[in-house]
C-alpha atoms as a PDB file:
ATOM      1  CA  UNK A   1      -6.723  19.918 -19.793  1.00  0.00           C
ATOM      2  CA  UNK A   2      -3.423  18.547 -20.632  1.00  0.00           C
ATOM      3  CA  UNK A   3      -2.179  16.266 -18.860  1.00  0.00           C
ATOM      4  CA  UNK A   4       1.595  15.727 -17.757  1.00  0.00           C
ATOM      5  CA  UNK A   5       3.323  12.641 -16.989  1.00  0.00           C
ATOM      6  CA  UNK A   6       6.799  12.981 -15.018  1.00  0.00           C
ATOM      7  CA  UNK A   7       9.439  10.503 -15.571  1.00  0.00           C
ATOM      8  CA  UNK A   8       8.542   9.484 -12.131  1.00  0.00           C
ATOM      9  CA  UNK A   9       5.151   8.551 -12.751  1.00  0.00           C
ATOM     10  CA  UNK A  10       5.424   6.891 -15.334  1.00  0.00           C
ATOM     11  CA  UNK A  11       8.440   4.583 -13.683  1.00  0.00           C
ATOM     12  CA  UNK A  12       6.073   3.900 -11.084  1.00  0.00           C
ATOM     13  CA  UNK A  13       2.509   3.371 -13.230  1.00  0.00           C
ATOM     14  CA  UNK A  14       5.069   0.739 -14.741  1.00  0.00           C
ATOM     15  CA  UNK A  15       5.934  -1.010 -12.016  1.00  0.00           C
ATOM     16  CA  UNK A  16       1.400  -0.757 -10.913  1.00  0.00           C
ATOM     17  CA  UNK A  17       0.735  -1.791 -14.137  1.00  0.00           C
ATOM     18  CA  UNK A  18       3.264  -4.892 -13.286  1.00  0.00           C
ATOM     19  CA  UNK A  19       1.711  -5.752  -9.995  1.00  0.00           C
ATOM     20  CA  UNK A  20      -1.311  -4.313  -9.935  1.00  0.00           C
ATOM     21  CA  UNK A  21      -2.716  -3.985 -14.012  1.00  0.00           C
ATOM     22  CA  UNK A  22      -3.100  -0.216 -13.541  1.00  0.00           C
ATOM     23  CA  UNK A  23      -2.798   1.616 -17.125  1.00  0.00           C
ATOM     24  CA  UNK A  24      -1.988   4.832 -17.749  1.00  0.00           C
ATOM     25  CA  UNK A  25      -5.819   5.084 -19.022  1.00  0.00           C
ATOM     26  CA  UNK A  26      -6.888   4.543 -15.483  1.00  0.00           C
ATOM     27  CA  UNK A  27      -4.820   6.447 -13.571  1.00  0.00           C
ATOM     28  CA  UNK A  28      -5.663   9.325 -16.372  1.00  0.00           C
ATOM     29  CA  UNK A  29      -9.219   8.913 -16.009  1.00  0.00           C
ATOM     30  CA  UNK A  30      -8.822   9.248 -11.593  1.00  0.00           C
ATOM     31  CA  UNK A  31      -7.418  12.638 -12.522  1.00  0.00           C
ATOM     32  CA  UNK A  32     -10.282  13.629 -14.917  1.00  0.00           C
ATOM     33  CA  UNK A  33     -12.792  11.219 -12.597  1.00  0.00           C
ATOM     34  CA  UNK A  34     -12.306  11.667  -9.004  1.00  0.00           C
ATOM     35  CA  UNK A  35     -13.892   9.914  -6.199  1.00  0.00           C
ATOM     36  CA  UNK A  36     -11.984  12.455  -3.931  1.00  0.00           C
ATOM     37  CA  UNK A  37      -9.339  15.530  -4.342  1.00  0.00           C
ATOM     38  CA  UNK A  38      -7.161  15.452  -0.683  1.00  0.00           C
ATOM     39  CA  UNK A  39      -4.940  18.999  -0.023  1.00  0.00           C
ATOM     40  CA  UNK A  40      -1.168  16.971  -0.397  1.00  0.00           C
ATOM     41  CA  UNK A  41       2.038  18.628   0.485  1.00  0.00           C
ATOM     42  CA  UNK A  42       2.719  22.309  -0.322  1.00  0.00           C
ATOM     43  CA  UNK A  43       1.059  22.804  -3.609  1.00  0.00           C
ATOM     44  CA  UNK A  44       0.320  19.013  -4.500  1.00  0.00           C
ATOM     45  CA  UNK A  45      -3.403  18.108  -4.673  1.00  0.00           C
ATOM     46  CA  UNK A  46      -4.196  14.165  -4.874  1.00  0.00           C
ATOM     47  CA  UNK A  47      -7.111  12.360  -6.311  1.00  0.00           C
ATOM     48  CA  UNK A  48      -7.993   9.918  -5.594  1.00  0.00           C
ATOM     49  CA  UNK A  49     -10.990   6.938  -5.806  1.00  0.00           C
ATOM     50  CA  UNK A  50     -11.307   3.672  -4.184  1.00  0.00           C
ATOM     51  CA  UNK A  51      -9.988   0.530  -6.018  1.00  0.00           C
ATOM     52  CA  UNK A  52      -9.784  -2.915  -5.163  1.00  0.00           C
ATOM     53  CA  UNK A  53      -9.861  -3.055  -1.427  1.00  0.00           C
ATOM     54  CA  UNK A  54      -7.757   0.518  -1.129  1.00  0.00           C
ATOM     55  CA  UNK A  55      -7.231   3.172  -2.597  1.00  0.00           C
ATOM     56  CA  UNK A  56      -5.241   4.592  -6.149  1.00  0.00           C
ATOM     57  CA  UNK A  57      -4.204   7.917  -5.122  1.00  0.00           C
ATOM     58  CA  UNK A  58      -2.723   9.842  -7.948  1.00  0.00           C
ATOM     59  CA  UNK A  59      -0.759  13.415  -6.763  1.00  0.00           C
ATOM     60  CA  UNK A  60      -0.527  15.849  -9.325  1.00  0.00           C
ATOM     61  CA  UNK A  61       0.062  19.763  -9.723  1.00  0.00           C
ATOM     62  CA  UNK A  62      -2.567  21.789 -11.758  1.00  0.00           C
ATOM     63  CA  UNK A  63      -2.373  25.376 -13.119  1.00  0.00           C
ATOM     64  CA  UNK A  64      -4.953  27.103 -15.923  1.00  0.00           C
ATOM     65  CA  UNK A  65      -3.364  25.219 -18.633  1.00  0.00           C
ATOM     66  CA  UNK A  66      -2.203  22.042 -17.526  1.00  0.00           C
ATOM     67  CA  UNK A  67      -2.227  18.864 -14.673  1.00  0.00           C
ATOM     68  CA  UNK A  68       0.913  17.517 -14.192  1.00  0.00           C
ATOM     69  CA  UNK A  69       1.361  13.961 -12.492  1.00  0.00           C
ATOM     70  CA  UNK A  70       4.318  13.798  -9.576  1.00  0.00           C
ATOM     71  CA  UNK A  71       3.293  10.045  -9.158  1.00  0.00           C
ATOM     72  CA  UNK A  72       0.754   6.919  -9.000  1.00  0.00           C
ATOM     73  CA  UNK A  73       0.527   4.679  -5.836  1.00  0.00           C
ATOM     74  CA  UNK A  74      -2.589   2.192  -4.584  1.00  0.00           C
ATOM     75  CA  UNK A  75      -3.142   1.871  -0.804  1.00  0.00           C
ATOM     76  CA  UNK A  76      -5.042  -0.391   1.486  1.00  0.00           C
ATOM     77  CA  UNK A  77      -4.707   2.224   4.192  1.00  0.00           C
ATOM     78  CA  UNK A  78      -8.283   3.612   2.698  1.00  0.00           C
ATOM     79  CA  UNK A  79      -9.474   5.468   6.114  1.00  0.00           C
ATOM     80  CA  UNK A  80      -5.803   7.026   6.848  1.00  0.00           C
ATOM     81  CA  UNK A  81      -6.786   8.919   3.364  1.00  0.00           C
ATOM     82  CA  UNK A  82     -10.071   8.888   3.066  1.00  0.00           C
ATOM     83  CA  UNK A  83     -11.492  11.948   3.700  1.00  0.00           C
END
């Protein structure tokens, strides 16, 4: 399945790479092999994986042919988001 990056997702990934070393490949791996997928707002799903005492979260939209990454972020609030 094709992975599409929004401009916003690219910018956020670059920021998180500078802060925590989160690479583009790591983000795509979370999307392809998440520990969990939870519902977000409207048609957005969130792939998430525990990483560095927190969660790496990748909100995305899915069609039959592609996964579109909306943004990415890391949070320490595991209890809030883990289902």
